Amino acid sequence: MKSDWIDVIARKDLGPGQSHFIEVGNNTIAVFNLDGEYFAVEDACSHDGSRMLSCGVEARFIVHGARIMCPRHGAEFCIRTGAALSPPAREALATYPVRVDNDQIQIQHQNKG
């Protein structure tokens, strides 16, 4: 597998406490700014695969500090590590390395190739 760094959003456009999502292949990835640190997790609940941030529900209802909550069944996950924090989820969310390059927030994504 080959890994690529993908531009997500300009750093100036993702302030503290904000989130942004991007479609990469068949995955939706949510990127968060938590007090100036950036984290990326797959935006699909590990309980049933439903979208969380990109589902159309306002983010203020599903992002609480460093946690994201699935609006469908209430499972919570750690944004920093992807760890499942409450039932019905038992498995962690996929996480992605994040870096800033030339003021662009980027995620690293594995591609078959």
PDB file of N, CA and C in Angstrom:
ATOM      1  N   MET A   1       0.832  -1.188   0.000  1.00  0.00           N
ATOM      2  CA  MET A   1       0.000   0.000   0.000  1.00  0.00           C
ATOM      3  C   MET A   1       0.869   1.240   0.000  1.00  0.00           C
ATOM      4  N   LYS A   2       0.369   2.243  -0.611  1.00  0.00           N
ATOM      5  CA  LYS A   2       1.053   3.526  -0.702  1.00  0.00           C
ATOM      6  C   LYS A   2       0.268   4.529   0.127  1.00  0.00           C
ATOM      7  N   SER A   3       0.968   5.395   0.843  1.00  0.00           N
ATOM      8  CA  SER A   3       0.255   6.426   1.607  1.00  0.00           C
ATOM      9  C   SER A   3       0.488   7.783   0.970  1.00  0.00           C
ATOM     10  N   ASP A   4      -0.546   8.566   0.957  1.00  0.00           N
ATOM     11  CA  ASP A   4      -0.510   9.903   0.390  1.00  0.00           C
ATOM     12  C   ASP A   4      -0.977  10.906   1.429  1.00  0.00           C
ATOM     13  N   TRP A   5      -0.394  12.100   1.398  1.00  0.00           N
ATOM     14  CA  TRP A   5      -0.876  13.201   2.217  1.00  0.00           C
ATOM     15  C   TRP A   5      -1.874  13.982   1.381  1.00  0.00           C
ATOM     16  N   ILE A   6      -3.049  14.200   1.929  1.00  0.00           N
ATOM     17  CA  ILE A   6      -4.153  14.839   1.214  1.00  0.00           C
ATOM     18  C   ILE A   6      -4.490  16.161   1.893  1.00  0.00           C
ATOM     19  N   ASP A   7      -4.538  17.255   1.106  1.00  0.00           N
ATOM     20  CA  ASP A   7      -4.964  18.542   1.649  1.00  0.00           C
ATOM     21  C   ASP A   7      -6.420  18.461   2.068  1.00  0.00           C
ATOM     22  N   VAL A   8      -6.712  18.963   3.271  1.00  0.00           N
ATOM     23  CA  VAL A   8      -8.081  18.958   3.787  1.00  0.00           C
ATOM     24  C   VAL A   8      -8.660  20.366   3.785  1.00  0.00           C
ATOM     25  N   ILE A   9      -7.964  21.287   4.461  1.00  0.00           N
ATOM     26  CA  ILE A   9      -8.478  22.646   4.625  1.00  0.00           C
ATOM     27  C   ILE A   9      -7.312  23.533   5.063  1.00  0.00           C
ATOM     28  N   ALA A  10      -7.385  24.807   4.745  1.00  0.00           N
ATOM     29  CA  ALA A  10      -6.365  25.752   5.212  1.00  0.00           C
ATOM     30  C   ALA A  10      -6.462  25.888   6.728  1.00  0.00           C
ATOM     31  N   ARG A  11      -5.318  25.963   7.377  1.00  0.00           N
ATOM     32  CA  ARG A  11      -5.299  26.055   8.844  1.00  0.00           C
ATOM     33  C   ARG A  11      -6.121  27.241   9.338  1.00  0.00           C
ATOM     34  N   LYS A  12      -6.075  28.370   8.635  1.00  0.00           N
ATOM     35  CA  LYS A  12      -6.827  29.554   9.064  1.00  0.00           C
ATOM     36  C   LYS A  12      -8.333  29.340   9.013  1.00  0.00           C
ATOM     37  N   ASP A  13      -8.789  28.342   8.259  1.00  0.00           N
ATOM     38  CA  ASP A  13     -10.224  28.088   8.108  1.00  0.00           C
ATOM     39  C   ASP A  13     -10.769  27.034   9.066  1.00  0.00           C
ATOM     40  N   LEU A  14      -9.907  26.510   9.956  1.00  0.00           N
ATOM     41  CA  LEU A  14     -10.355  25.511  10.933  1.00  0.00           C
ATOM     42  C   LEU A  14      -9.891  25.957  12.310  1.00  0.00           C
ATOM     43  N   GLY A  15     -10.694  26.812  12.930  1.00  0.00           N
ATOM     44  CA  GLY A  15     -10.340  27.374  14.231  1.00  0.00           C
ATOM     45  C   GLY A  15     -10.544  26.380  15.363  1.00  0.00           C
ATOM     46  N   PRO A  16     -10.046  26.722  16.561  1.00  0.00           N
ATOM     47  CA  PRO A  16     -10.220  25.866  17.732  1.00  0.00           C
ATOM     48  C   PRO A  16     -11.694  25.518  17.966  1.00  0.00           C
ATOM     49  N   GLY A  17     -11.946  24.253  18.212  1.00  0.00           N
ATOM     50  CA  GLY A  17     -13.307  23.777  18.454  1.00  0.00           C
ATOM     51  C   GLY A  17     -14.096  23.494  17.193  1.00  0.00           C
ATOM     52  N   GLN A  18     -13.486  23.720  16.029  1.00  0.00           N
ATOM     53  CA  GLN A  18     -14.200  23.475  14.781  1.00  0.00           C
ATOM     54  C   GLN A  18     -13.828  22.128  14.186  1.00  0.00           C
ATOM     55  N   SER A  19     -14.668  21.676  13.268  1.00  0.00           N
ATOM     56  CA  SER A  19     -14.430  20.416  12.576  1.00  0.00           C
ATOM     57  C   SER A  19     -14.756  20.596  11.099  1.00  0.00           C
ATOM     58  N   HIS A  20     -14.241  19.686  10.314  1.00  0.00           N
ATOM     59  CA  HIS A  20     -14.447  19.716   8.866  1.00  0.00           C
ATOM     60  C   HIS A  20     -14.388  18.267   8.391  1.00  0.00           C
ATOM     61  N   PHE A  21     -15.167  17.929   7.385  1.00  0.00           N
ATOM     62  CA  PHE A  21     -15.053  16.569   6.865  1.00  0.00           C
ATOM     63  C   PHE A  21     -14.742  16.578   5.387  1.00  0.00           C
ATOM     64  N   ILE A  22     -14.144  15.470   4.962  1.00  0.00           N
ATOM     65  CA  ILE A  22     -13.687  15.329   3.582  1.00  0.00           C
ATOM     66  C   ILE A  22     -13.982  13.903   3.126  1.00  0.00           C
ATOM     67  N   GLU A  23     -14.363  13.764   1.881  1.00  0.00           N
ATOM     68  CA  GLU A  23     -14.583  12.447   1.286  1.00  0.00           C
ATOM     69  C   GLU A  23     -13.265  11.997   0.656  1.00  0.00           C
ATOM     70  N   VAL A  24     -12.807  10.807   1.032  1.00  0.00           N
ATOM     71  CA  VAL A  24     -11.596  10.225   0.466  1.00  0.00           C
ATOM     72  C   VAL A  24     -11.954   8.810   0.029  1.00  0.00           C
ATOM     73  N   GLY A  25     -12.077   8.613  -1.265  1.00  0.00           N
ATOM     74  CA  GLY A  25     -12.526   7.308  -1.755  1.00  0.00           C
ATOM     75  C   GLY A  25     -13.925   7.042  -1.243  1.00  0.00           C
ATOM     76  N   ASN A  26     -14.114   5.908  -0.590  1.00  0.00           N
ATOM     77  CA  ASN A  26     -15.422   5.546  -0.027  1.00  0.00           C
ATOM     78  C   ASN A  26     -15.564   5.956   1.431  1.00  0.00           C
ATOM     79  N   ASN A  27     -14.588   6.689   1.964  1.00  0.00           N
ATOM     80  CA  ASN A  27     -14.609   7.071   3.372  1.00  0.00           C
ATOM     81  C   ASN A  27     -14.879   8.557   3.543  1.00  0.00           C
ATOM     82  N   THR A  28     -15.588   8.877   4.616  1.00  0.00           N
ATOM     83  CA  THR A  28     -15.713  10.264   5.054  1.00  0.00           C
ATOM     84  C   THR A  28     -14.836  10.390   6.283  1.00  0.00           C
ATOM     85  N   ILE A  29     -13.963  11.378   6.282  1.00  0.00           N
ATOM     86  CA  ILE A  29     -13.029  11.574   7.386  1.00  0.00           C
ATOM     87  C   ILE A  29     -13.305  12.939   8.002  1.00  0.00           C
ATOM     88  N   ALA A  30     -13.445  12.961   9.318  1.00  0.00           N
ATOM     89  CA  ALA A  30     -13.690  14.193  10.056  1.00  0.00           C
ATOM     90  C   ALA A  30     -12.370  14.656  10.669  1.00  0.00           C
ATOM     91  N   VAL A  31     -12.058  15.935  10.476  1.00  0.00           N
ATOM     92  CA  VAL A  31     -10.836  16.535  11.017  1.00  0.00           C
ATOM     93  C   VAL A  31     -11.255  17.583  12.041  1.00  0.00           C
ATOM     94  N   PHE A  32     -10.597  17.565  13.197  1.00  0.00           N
ATOM     95  CA  PHE A  32     -10.956  18.436  14.315  1.00  0.00           C
ATOM     96  C   PHE A  32      -9.766  19.271  14.751  1.00  0.00           C
ATOM     97  N   ASN A  33     -10.048  20.500  15.197  1.00  0.00           N
ATOM     98  CA  ASN A  33      -9.058  21.348  15.836  1.00  0.00           C
ATOM     99  C   ASN A  33      -9.435  21.391  17.312  1.00  0.00           C
ATOM    100  N   LEU A  34      -8.643  20.715  18.134  1.00  0.00           N
ATOM    101  CA  LEU A  34      -8.854  20.736  19.583  1.00  0.00           C
ATOM    102  C   LEU A  34      -7.739  21.567  20.200  1.00  0.00           C
ATOM    103  N   ASP A  35      -8.038  22.826  20.481  1.00  0.00           N
ATOM    104  CA  ASP A  35      -7.076  23.735  21.104  1.00  0.00           C
ATOM    105  C   ASP A  35      -5.761  23.802  20.341  1.00  0.00           C
ATOM    106  N   GLY A  36      -5.837  23.870  19.020  1.00  0.00           N
ATOM    107  CA  GLY A  36      -4.641  24.015  18.200  1.00  0.00           C
ATOM    108  C   GLY A  36      -3.977  22.709  17.795  1.00  0.00           C
ATOM    109  N   GLU A  37      -4.487  21.581  18.259  1.00  0.00           N
ATOM    110  CA  GLU A  37      -3.999  20.276  17.817  1.00  0.00           C
ATOM    111  C   GLU A  37      -5.033  19.692  16.864  1.00  0.00           C
ATOM    112  N   TYR A  38      -4.563  19.003  15.842  1.00  0.00           N
ATOM    113  CA  TYR A  38      -5.461  18.482  14.823  1.00  0.00           C
ATOM    114  C   TYR A  38      -5.539  16.957  14.902  1.00  0.00           C
ATOM    115  N   PHE A  39      -6.753  16.452  14.744  1.00  0.00           N
ATOM    116  CA  PHE A  39      -7.013  15.016  14.808  1.00  0.00           C
ATOM    117  C   PHE A  39      -7.978  14.644  13.701  1.00  0.00           C
ATOM    118  N   ALA A  40      -7.853  13.417  13.210  1.00  0.00           N
ATOM    119  CA  ALA A  40      -8.746  12.948  12.145  1.00  0.00           C
ATOM    120  C   ALA A  40      -9.223  11.541  12.458  1.00  0.00           C
ATOM    121  N   VAL A  41     -10.542  11.343  12.327  1.00  0.00           N
ATOM    122  CA  VAL A  41     -11.142  10.027  12.539  1.00  0.00           C
ATOM    123  C   VAL A  41     -12.120   9.735  11.402  1.00  0.00           C
ATOM    124  N   GLU A  42     -12.332   8.457  11.171  1.00  0.00           N
ATOM    125  CA  GLU A  42     -13.337   8.096  10.180  1.00  0.00           C
ATOM    126  C   GLU A  42     -14.703   8.502  10.704  1.00  0.00           C
ATOM    127  N   ASP A  43     -15.506   9.081   9.858  1.00  0.00           N
ATOM    128  CA  ASP A  43     -16.824   9.577  10.256  1.00  0.00           C
ATOM    129  C   ASP A  43     -17.890   8.508  10.034  1.00  0.00           C
ATOM    130  N   ALA A  44     -17.651   7.341  10.617  1.00  0.00           N
ATOM    131  CA  ALA A  44     -18.614   6.237  10.529  1.00  0.00           C
ATOM    132  C   ALA A  44     -18.604   5.518  11.866  1.00  0.00           C
ATOM    133  N   CYS A  45     -19.732   5.484  12.532  1.00  0.00           N
ATOM    134  CA  CYS A  45     -19.840   4.839  13.842  1.00  0.00           C
ATOM    135  C   CYS A  45     -19.412   3.380  13.727  1.00  0.00           C
ATOM    136  N   SER A  46     -18.566   2.935  14.645  1.00  0.00           N
ATOM    137  CA  SER A  46     -18.118   1.544  14.602  1.00  0.00           C
ATOM    138  C   SER A  46     -19.221   0.575  15.019  1.00  0.00           C
ATOM    139  N   HIS A  47     -20.309   1.094  15.575  1.00  0.00           N
ATOM    140  CA  HIS A  47     -21.435   0.250  15.967  1.00  0.00           C
ATOM    141  C   HIS A  47     -22.260  -0.178  14.762  1.00  0.00           C
ATOM    142  N   ASP A  48     -22.612   0.784  13.903  1.00  0.00           N
ATOM    143  CA  ASP A  48     -23.467   0.415  12.767  1.00  0.00           C
ATOM    144  C   ASP A  48     -23.065   1.059  11.445  1.00  0.00           C
ATOM    145  N   GLY A  49     -21.940   1.783  11.420  1.00  0.00           N
ATOM    146  CA  GLY A  49     -21.451   2.369  10.181  1.00  0.00           C
ATOM    147  C   GLY A  49     -22.117   3.666   9.768  1.00  0.00           C
ATOM    148  N   SER A  50     -23.068   4.160  10.561  1.00  0.00           N
ATOM    149  CA  SER A  50     -23.758   5.398  10.178  1.00  0.00           C
ATOM    150  C   SER A  50     -22.841   6.601  10.346  1.00  0.00           C
ATOM    151  N   ARG A  51     -23.074   7.612   9.534  1.00  0.00           N
ATOM    152  CA  ARG A  51     -22.284   8.842   9.612  1.00  0.00           C
ATOM    153  C   ARG A  51     -22.620   9.586  10.889  1.00  0.00           C
ATOM    154  N   MET A  52     -21.637  10.333  11.372  1.00  0.00           N
ATOM    155  CA  MET A  52     -21.845  11.124  12.573  1.00  0.00           C
ATOM    156  C   MET A  52     -21.823  12.605  12.237  1.00  0.00           C
ATOM    157  N   LEU A  53     -20.643  13.164  11.992  1.00  0.00           N
ATOM    158  CA  LEU A  53     -20.540  14.595  11.731  1.00  0.00           C
ATOM    159  C   LEU A  53     -21.161  14.986  10.401  1.00  0.00           C
ATOM    160  N   SER A  54     -20.994  14.163   9.393  1.00  0.00           N
ATOM    161  CA  SER A  54     -21.480  14.511   8.053  1.00  0.00           C
ATOM    162  C   SER A  54     -22.914  14.047   7.799  1.00  0.00           C
ATOM    163  N   CYS A  55     -23.642  13.720   8.864  1.00  0.00           N
ATOM    164  CA  CYS A  55     -25.010  13.204   8.702  1.00  0.00           C
ATOM    165  C   CYS A  55     -26.046  14.310   8.537  1.00  0.00           C
ATOM    166  N   GLY A  56     -25.644  15.566   8.721  1.00  0.00           N
ATOM    167  CA  GLY A  56     -26.592  16.666   8.593  1.00  0.00           C
ATOM    168  C   GLY A  56     -27.036  17.231   9.928  1.00  0.00           C
ATOM    169  N   VAL A  57     -26.733  16.560  11.040  1.00  0.00           N
ATOM    170  CA  VAL A  57     -27.055  17.076  12.366  1.00  0.00           C
ATOM    171  C   VAL A  57     -26.006  18.139  12.699  1.00  0.00           C
ATOM    172  N   GLU A  58     -26.428  19.246  13.256  1.00  0.00           N
ATOM    173  CA  GLU A  58     -25.479  20.303  13.596  1.00  0.00           C
ATOM    174  C   GLU A  58     -24.410  19.785  14.540  1.00  0.00           C
ATOM    175  N   ALA A  59     -23.155  20.121  14.240  1.00  0.00           N
ATOM    176  CA  ALA A  59     -22.025  19.607  15.017  1.00  0.00           C
ATOM    177  C   ALA A  59     -22.139  19.948  16.498  1.00  0.00           C
ATOM    178  N   ARG A  60     -22.762  21.069  16.849  1.00  0.00           N
ATOM    179  CA  ARG A  60     -22.833  21.433  18.273  1.00  0.00           C
ATOM    180  C   ARG A  60     -23.630  20.424  19.081  1.00  0.00           C
ATOM    181  N   PHE A  61     -24.421  19.601  18.413  1.00  0.00           N
ATOM    182  CA  PHE A  61     -25.184  18.571  19.121  1.00  0.00           C
ATOM    183  C   PHE A  61     -24.404  17.272  19.277  1.00  0.00           C
ATOM    184  N   ILE A  62     -23.322  17.108  18.513  1.00  0.00           N
ATOM    185  CA  ILE A  62     -22.631  15.824  18.571  1.00  0.00           C
ATOM    186  C   ILE A  62     -21.161  15.906  18.950  1.00  0.00           C
ATOM    187  N   VAL A  63     -20.580  17.104  19.044  1.00  0.00           N
ATOM    188  CA  VAL A  63     -19.191  17.237  19.458  1.00  0.00           C
ATOM    189  C   VAL A  63     -19.171  17.895  20.832  1.00  0.00           C
ATOM    190  N   HIS A  64     -18.574  17.209  21.796  1.00  0.00           N
ATOM    191  CA  HIS A  64     -18.518  17.691  23.178  1.00  0.00           C
ATOM    192  C   HIS A  64     -17.077  17.627  23.646  1.00  0.00           C
ATOM    193  N   GLY A  65     -16.380  18.764  23.637  1.00  0.00           N
ATOM    194  CA  GLY A  65     -14.974  18.768  24.040  1.00  0.00           C
ATOM    195  C   GLY A  65     -14.165  17.895  23.105  1.00  0.00           C
ATOM    196  N   ALA A  66     -13.594  16.833  23.639  1.00  0.00           N
ATOM    197  CA  ALA A  66     -12.780  15.917  22.836  1.00  0.00           C
ATOM    198  C   ALA A  66     -13.540  14.645  22.489  1.00  0.00           C
ATOM    199  N   ARG A  67     -14.873  14.716  22.531  1.00  0.00           N
ATOM    200  CA  ARG A  67     -15.705  13.548  22.218  1.00  0.00           C
ATOM    201  C   ARG A  67     -16.633  13.851  21.053  1.00  0.00           C
ATOM    202  N   ILE A  68     -16.909  12.813  20.296  1.00  0.00           N
ATOM    203  CA  ILE A  68     -17.929  12.909  19.253  1.00  0.00           C
ATOM    204  C   ILE A  68     -18.979  11.848  19.570  1.00  0.00           C
ATOM    205  N   MET A  69     -20.241  12.214  19.386  1.00  0.00           N
ATOM    206  CA  MET A  69     -21.327  11.287  19.701  1.00  0.00           C
ATOM    207  C   MET A  69     -22.075  10.931  18.422  1.00  0.00           C
ATOM    208  N   CYS A  70     -22.336   9.659  18.249  1.00  0.00           N
ATOM    209  CA  CYS A  70     -23.152   9.227  17.127  1.00  0.00           C
ATOM    210  C   CYS A  70     -24.596   9.646  17.415  1.00  0.00           C
ATOM    211  N   PRO A  71     -25.204  10.448  16.552  1.00  0.00           N
ATOM    212  CA  PRO A  71     -26.563  10.910  16.822  1.00  0.00           C
ATOM    213  C   PRO A  71     -27.616   9.813  16.691  1.00  0.00           C
ATOM    214  N   ARG A  72     -27.247   8.704  16.129  1.00  0.00           N
ATOM    215  CA  ARG A  72     -28.226   7.630  15.927  1.00  0.00           C
ATOM    216  C   ARG A  72     -28.503   6.824  17.202  1.00  0.00           C
ATOM    217  N   HIS A  73     -27.451   6.360  17.884  1.00  0.00           N
ATOM    218  CA  HIS A  73     -27.656   5.546  19.091  1.00  0.00           C
ATOM    219  C   HIS A  73     -26.919   6.070  20.319  1.00  0.00           C
ATOM    220  N   GLY A  74     -26.212   7.202  20.195  1.00  0.00           N
ATOM    221  CA  GLY A  74     -25.585   7.820  21.355  1.00  0.00           C
ATOM    222  C   GLY A  74     -24.204   7.322  21.720  1.00  0.00           C
ATOM    223  N   ALA A  75     -23.596   6.440  20.931  1.00  0.00           N
ATOM    224  CA  ALA A  75     -22.238   5.977  21.237  1.00  0.00           C
ATOM    225  C   ALA A  75     -21.291   7.171  21.167  1.00  0.00           C
ATOM    226  N   GLU A  76     -20.337   7.215  22.091  1.00  0.00           N
ATOM    227  CA  GLU A  76     -19.364   8.301  22.111  1.00  0.00           C
ATOM    228  C   GLU A  76     -17.970   7.757  21.844  1.00  0.00           C
ATOM    229  N   PHE A  77     -17.158   8.618  21.201  1.00  0.00           N
ATOM    230  CA  PHE A  77     -15.796   8.251  20.834  1.00  0.00           C
ATOM    231  C   PHE A  77     -14.854   9.390  21.184  1.00  0.00           C
ATOM    232  N   CYS A  78     -13.611   9.041  21.502  1.00  0.00           N
ATOM    233  CA  CYS A  78     -12.569  10.030  21.750  1.00  0.00           C
ATOM    234  C   CYS A  78     -12.049  10.535  20.402  1.00  0.00           C
ATOM    235  N   ILE A  79     -12.080  11.836  20.210  1.00  0.00           N
ATOM    236  CA  ILE A  79     -11.589  12.422  18.962  1.00  0.00           C
ATOM    237  C   ILE A  79     -10.081  12.233  18.846  1.00  0.00           C
ATOM    238  N   ARG A  80      -9.371  12.285  19.951  1.00  0.00           N
ATOM    239  CA  ARG A  80      -7.905  12.186  19.916  1.00  0.00           C
ATOM    240  C   ARG A  80      -7.413  10.786  19.540  1.00  0.00           C
ATOM    241  N   THR A  81      -8.088   9.750  20.018  1.00  0.00           N
ATOM    242  CA  THR A  81      -7.598   8.376  19.825  1.00  0.00           C
ATOM    243  C   THR A  81      -8.538   7.495  19.005  1.00  0.00           C
ATOM    244  N   GLY A  82      -9.782   7.918  18.833  1.00  0.00           N
ATOM    245  CA  GLY A  82     -10.780   7.095  18.160  1.00  0.00           C
ATOM    246  C   GLY A  82     -11.429   6.066  19.075  1.00  0.00           C
ATOM    247  N   ALA A  83     -10.982   5.947  20.324  1.00  0.00           N
ATOM    248  CA  ALA A  83     -11.480   4.921  21.250  1.00  0.00           C
ATOM    249  C   ALA A  83     -12.982   5.051  21.479  1.00  0.00           C
ATOM    250  N   ALA A  84     -13.661   3.893  21.528  1.00  0.00           N
ATOM    251  CA  ALA A  84     -15.079   3.859  21.883  1.00  0.00           C
ATOM    252  C   ALA A  84     -15.186   4.115  23.383  1.00  0.00           C
ATOM    253  N   LEU A  85     -16.034   5.074  23.777  1.00  0.00           N
ATOM    254  CA  LEU A  85     -16.154   5.465  25.181  1.00  0.00           C
ATOM    255  C   LEU A  85     -17.458   5.032  25.818  1.00  0.00           C
ATOM    256  N   SER A  86     -18.445   4.635  24.988  1.00  0.00           N
ATOM    257  CA  SER A  86     -19.727   4.218  25.563  1.00  0.00           C
ATOM    258  C   SER A  86     -20.436   3.270  24.598  1.00  0.00           C
ATOM    259  N   PRO A  87     -21.293   2.411  25.172  1.00  0.00           N
ATOM    260  CA  PRO A  87     -22.076   1.515  24.333  1.00  0.00           C
ATOM    261  C   PRO A  87     -23.075   2.309  23.503  1.00  0.00           C
ATOM    262  N   PRO A  88     -23.561   1.782  22.436  1.00  0.00           N
ATOM    263  CA  PRO A  88     -23.392   0.405  21.983  1.00  0.00           C
ATOM    264  C   PRO A  88     -22.100   0.154  21.222  1.00  0.00           C
ATOM    265  N   ALA A  89     -21.266   1.164  20.990  1.00  0.00           N
ATOM    266  CA  ALA A  89     -20.007   0.946  20.278  1.00  0.00           C
ATOM    267  C   ALA A  89     -19.009   0.226  21.174  1.00  0.00           C
ATOM    268  N   ARG A  90     -18.277  -0.691  20.587  1.00  0.00           N
ATOM    269  CA  ARG A  90     -17.228  -1.415  21.310  1.00  0.00           C
ATOM    270  C   ARG A  90     -15.873  -1.262  20.638  1.00  0.00           C
ATOM    271  N   GLU A  91     -15.878  -0.943  19.356  1.00  0.00           N
ATOM    272  CA  GLU A  91     -14.632  -0.822  18.597  1.00  0.00           C
ATOM    273  C   GLU A  91     -14.306   0.644  18.338  1.00  0.00           C
ATOM    274  N   ALA A  92     -13.019   0.928  18.270  1.00  0.00           N
ATOM    275  CA  ALA A  92     -12.546   2.294  18.013  1.00  0.00           C
ATOM    276  C   ALA A  92     -12.820   2.710  16.572  1.00  0.00           C
ATOM    277  N   LEU A  93     -12.858   4.005  16.357  1.00  0.00           N
ATOM    278  CA  LEU A  93     -12.914   4.560  15.008  1.00  0.00           C
ATOM    279  C   LEU A  93     -11.516   4.524  14.403  1.00  0.00           C
ATOM    280  N   ALA A  94     -11.442   4.400  13.096  1.00  0.00           N
ATOM    281  CA  ALA A  94     -10.149   4.513  12.420  1.00  0.00           C
ATOM    282  C   ALA A  94      -9.648   5.942  12.584  1.00  0.00           C
ATOM    283  N   THR A  95      -8.366   6.097  12.839  1.00  0.00           N
ATOM    284  CA  THR A  95      -7.757   7.415  12.957  1.00  0.00           C
ATOM    285  C   THR A  95      -6.742   7.595  11.834  1.00  0.00           C
ATOM    286  N   TYR A  96      -6.397   8.840  11.556  1.00  0.00           N
ATOM    287  CA  TYR A  96      -5.476   9.164  10.470  1.00  0.00           C
ATOM    288  C   TYR A  96      -4.445  10.162  10.965  1.00  0.00           C
ATOM    289  N   PRO A  97      -3.174   9.977  10.581  1.00  0.00           N
ATOM    290  CA  PRO A  97      -2.167  10.978  10.926  1.00  0.00           C
ATOM    291  C   PRO A  97      -2.523  12.322  10.297  1.00  0.00           C
ATOM    292  N   VAL A  98      -2.220  13.395  11.022  1.00  0.00           N
ATOM    293  CA  VAL A  98      -2.504  14.755  10.560  1.00  0.00           C
ATOM    294  C   VAL A  98      -1.219  15.572  10.667  1.00  0.00           C
ATOM    295  N   ARG A  99      -1.007  16.425   9.695  1.00  0.00           N
ATOM    296  CA  ARG A  99       0.120  17.357   9.751  1.00  0.00           C
ATOM    297  C   ARG A  99      -0.312  18.678   9.120  1.00  0.00           C
ATOM    298  N   VAL A 100       0.503  19.711   9.355  1.00  0.00           N
ATOM    299  CA  VAL A 100       0.307  20.995   8.699  1.00  0.00           C
ATOM    300  C   VAL A 100       1.513  21.211   7.788  1.00  0.00           C
ATOM    301  N   ASP A 101       1.248  21.466   6.518  1.00  0.00           N
ATOM    302  CA  ASP A 101       2.290  21.708   5.534  1.00  0.00           C
ATOM    303  C   ASP A 101       1.899  22.939   4.721  1.00  0.00           C
ATOM    304  N   ASN A 102       2.748  23.969   4.747  1.00  0.00           N
ATOM    305  CA  ASN A 102       2.451  25.224   4.040  1.00  0.00           C
ATOM    306  C   ASN A 102       1.067  25.769   4.401  1.00  0.00           C
ATOM    307  N   ASP A 103       0.749  25.730   5.693  1.00  0.00           N
ATOM    308  CA  ASP A 103      -0.526  26.232   6.228  1.00  0.00           C
ATOM    309  C   ASP A 103      -1.748  25.450   5.743  1.00  0.00           C
ATOM    310  N   GLN A 104      -1.532  24.260   5.177  1.00  0.00           N
ATOM    311  CA  GLN A 104      -2.628  23.362   4.812  1.00  0.00           C
ATOM    312  C   GLN A 104      -2.663  22.215   5.816  1.00  0.00           C
ATOM    313  N   ILE A 105      -3.835  21.937   6.368  1.00  0.00           N
ATOM    314  CA  ILE A 105      -3.995  20.753   7.204  1.00  0.00           C
ATOM    315  C   ILE A 105      -4.127  19.579   6.250  1.00  0.00           C
ATOM    316  N   GLN A 106      -3.338  18.543   6.494  1.00  0.00           N
ATOM    317  CA  GLN A 106      -3.332  17.364   5.648  1.00  0.00           C
ATOM    318  C   GLN A 106      -3.552  16.118   6.473  1.00  0.00           C
ATOM    319  N   ILE A 107      -4.153  15.098   5.853  1.00  0.00           N
ATOM    320  CA  ILE A 107      -4.263  13.789   6.478  1.00  0.00           C
ATOM    321  C   ILE A 107      -3.515  12.784   5.623  1.00  0.00           C
ATOM    322  N   GLN A 108      -3.022  11.761   6.285  1.00  0.00           N
ATOM    323  CA  GLN A 108      -2.349  10.681   5.567  1.00  0.00           C
ATOM    324  C   GLN A 108      -3.341   9.554   5.358  1.00  0.00           C
ATOM    325  N   HIS A 109      -3.450   9.116   4.137  1.00  0.00           N
ATOM    326  CA  HIS A 109      -4.428   8.082   3.793  1.00  0.00           C
ATOM    327  C   HIS A 109      -3.713   6.978   3.030  1.00  0.00           C
ATOM    328  N   GLN A 110      -4.021   5.743   3.389  1.00  0.00           N
ATOM    329  CA  GLN A 110      -3.433   4.590   2.706  1.00  0.00           C
ATOM    330  C   GLN A 110      -4.228   4.282   1.442  1.00  0.00           C
ATOM    331  N   ASN A 111      -3.528   4.132   0.355  1.00  0.00           N
ATOM    332  CA  ASN A 111      -4.152   3.779  -0.917  1.00  0.00           C
ATOM    333  C   ASN A 111      -3.573   2.478  -1.420  1.00  0.00           C
ATOM    334  N   LYS A 112      -4.407   1.676  -2.018  1.00  0.00           N
ATOM    335  CA  LYS A 112      -3.892   0.479  -2.685  1.00  0.00           C
ATOM    336  C   LYS A 112      -3.228   0.929  -3.962  1.00  0.00           C
ATOM    337  N   GLY A 113      -2.085   0.413  -4.237  1.00  0.00           N
ATOM    338  CA  GLY A 113      -1.454   0.847  -5.464  1.00  0.00           C
ATOM    339  C   GLY A 113      -0.078   0.365  -5.658  1.00  0.00           C
TER     340      GLY A 113
END
